[in-house]
Protein backbone atom coordinates (compact mmCIF):
# COMPACT_ATOMS: atom_id res chain seq x y z
CA MET A 1 -9.04 0.87 12.43
CA ALA A 2 -10.65 -2.55 12.17
CA ALA A 3 -9.52 -4.55 9.17
CA SER A 4 -12.44 -6.88 9.80
CA ALA A 5 -14.78 -4.38 8.14
CA LEU A 6 -13.83 -5.76 4.74
CA ARG A 7 -12.92 -9.29 5.79
CA ASN A 8 -16.05 -10.79 4.24
CA SER A 9 -16.08 -8.51 1.24
CA ASP A 10 -15.04 -9.39 -2.29
CA PHE A 11 -11.65 -7.81 -1.62
CA ALA A 12 -10.81 -10.26 1.14
CA THR A 13 -11.35 -13.15 -1.27
CA GLY A 14 -9.31 -11.53 -4.01
CA ALA A 15 -12.32 -11.26 -6.35
CA PRO A 16 -13.25 -7.59 -6.79
CA SER A 17 -16.92 -6.87 -7.44
CA ALA A 18 -18.04 -5.41 -10.74
CA ALA A 19 -18.83 -2.14 -8.96
CA ARG A 20 -15.19 -1.70 -7.99
CA ALA A 21 -12.70 -3.29 -10.36
CA VAL A 22 -9.72 -1.50 -8.80
CA PRO A 23 -7.95 -3.74 -6.27
CA HIS A 24 -8.04 -2.62 -2.68
CA PRO A 25 -4.77 -0.92 -1.63
CA ILE A 26 -4.46 -3.26 1.38
CA ASP A 27 -4.45 -7.04 0.92
CA LEU A 28 -6.51 -8.02 3.94
CA VAL A 29 -5.89 -11.72 3.47
CA HIS A 30 -2.14 -11.10 3.59
CA LEU A 31 -2.56 -8.89 6.65
CA SER A 32 -4.56 -11.58 8.41
CA ARG A 33 -1.87 -14.16 7.63
CA GLN A 34 0.86 -11.85 8.90
CA THR A 35 -0.98 -11.27 12.17
CA MET A 36 -2.26 -14.85 12.48
CA GLY A 37 -5.82 -13.50 12.56
CA ASP A 38 -5.19 -11.43 15.71
CA ARG A 39 -7.43 -8.39 15.16
CA ALA A 40 -5.77 -6.34 17.90
CA LEU A 41 -2.41 -6.93 16.24
CA GLU A 42 -3.89 -5.99 12.84
CA ILE A 43 -5.05 -2.70 14.27
CA GLU A 44 -1.66 -2.08 15.84
CA VAL A 45 0.38 -2.78 12.68
CA LEU A 46 -2.00 -0.74 10.53
CA ALA A 47 -1.63 2.20 12.91
CA LEU A 48 2.16 1.83 12.88
CA PHE A 49 2.19 1.76 9.09
CA ASP A 50 -0.07 4.82 8.95
CA ARG A 51 2.22 6.85 11.22
CA GLN A 52 5.41 5.74 9.47
CA ALA A 53 3.95 6.32 6.00
CA ALA A 54 2.84 9.82 6.96
CA GLN A 55 6.26 10.74 8.31
CA ILE A 56 8.22 9.26 5.41
CA SER A 57 6.01 10.57 2.60
CA GLU A 58 6.14 14.04 4.16
CA ARG A 59 9.95 13.94 4.25
CA LEU A 60 10.22 12.60 0.71
CA GLY A 61 7.70 15.04 -0.70
CA ALA A 62 8.90 18.18 1.08
CA ILE A 63 12.51 18.30 -0.07
CA GLU A 64 13.88 19.07 -3.52
CA ILE A 65 15.06 16.05 -5.49
CA ASP A 66 18.77 15.55 -4.91
CA ARG A 67 20.15 12.64 -6.87
CA ALA A 68 22.79 11.80 -4.27
CA GLY A 69 20.29 11.46 -1.41
CA VAL A 70 21.10 7.99 -0.09
CA TRP A 71 18.89 8.84 2.88
CA ARG A 72 15.98 8.85 0.44
CA ALA A 73 16.71 5.27 -0.57
CA ASP A 74 16.92 4.26 3.08
CA LEU A 75 13.54 5.84 3.84
CA ALA A 76 11.99 4.18 0.80
CA HIS A 77 13.46 0.85 1.92
CA LYS A 78 11.81 1.21 5.34
CA LEU A 79 8.53 2.13 3.73
CA LYS A 80 8.76 -0.85 1.37
CA GLY A 81 9.13 -3.24 4.31
CA SER A 82 6.23 -1.69 6.20
CA ALA A 83 3.99 -1.73 3.16
CA ARG A 84 4.79 -5.37 2.44
CA ALA A 85 4.07 -6.31 6.04
CA ILE A 86 0.48 -5.07 5.83
CA GLY A 87 -0.16 -6.11 2.24
CA ALA A 88 0.03 -2.65 0.66
CA CYS A 89 1.45 -4.13 -2.54
CA GLU A 90 1.15 -1.03 -4.71
CA GLY A 91 2.92 1.06 -2.06
CA ALA A 92 5.65 -1.55 -1.64
CA THR A 93 6.27 -1.69 -5.39
CA ALA A 94 6.37 2.11 -5.66
CA ALA A 95 8.79 2.30 -2.73
CA GLU A 96 10.99 -0.38 -4.26
CA ASP A 97 11.05 1.40 -7.64
CA TYR A 98 11.86 4.68 -5.92
CA GLU A 99 14.64 3.08 -3.88
CA HIS A 100 16.25 1.54 -6.96
CA ARG A 101 16.05 4.78 -8.94
CA VAL A 102 17.69 6.72 -6.08
CA ARG A 103 20.51 4.18 -5.76
CA ALA A 104 21.05 4.28 -9.54
CA GLY A 105 21.12 8.10 -9.57
CA LEU A 106 18.06 8.21 -11.83
CA LEU A 107 15.47 9.73 -9.51
CA ARG A 108 12.88 12.00 -11.11
CA ALA A 109 10.20 14.15 -9.52
CA ALA A 110 7.59 11.82 -11.08
CA ASP A 111 9.04 8.90 -9.11
CA ALA A 112 8.59 10.76 -5.84
CA GLN A 113 5.03 11.69 -6.79
CA ALA A 114 4.17 8.09 -7.72
CA LEU A 115 5.40 6.90 -4.33
CA VAL A 116 3.56 9.58 -2.39
CA ASP A 117 0.36 8.93 -4.39
CA SER A 118 0.46 5.19 -3.67
CA ILE A 119 0.98 5.82 0.03
CA ILE A 120 -1.90 8.30 0.06
CA ARG A 121 -4.17 5.60 -1.43
CA ALA A 122 -3.05 3.07 1.20
CA ARG A 123 -3.61 5.55 4.03
CA ARG A 124 -7.07 6.43 2.67
CA ALA A 125 -7.89 2.72 2.63
CA LEU A 126 -6.85 2.52 6.28
CA ARG A 127 -9.21 5.36 7.15
CA ASP A 128 -12.00 3.63 5.20
CA LEU A 129 -11.38 0.46 7.20
CA ALA A 130 -11.67 2.45 10.40
CA GLY A 131 -15.11 3.61 9.35
């Protein structure tokens, strides 16, 4: 899972090409800063995120919505931190929104789906980086 595959692309500079106006789900510049440019460390943290995201999104998506599920907020909080660490901004924002809605007792099925969808996009991006 080499993040360097896109390092010289338009996404790494923050200027998406006309062919792909949608921002990349992983901010590779942020990731590089977090890992101080250590490619082995990048690969390691991306793999950790991938495993954690898979486990958490499966747990959040498999169980009926229960408004009192504080454990859901805790899982979303963990996911938010992991997503921020690798620069998965959309995933971090979705996890944060989900966490706040759970803690406020306002969780809807659509919130869970939005979080799972954003994590799926981030994990697909990781697979694309791996080649």
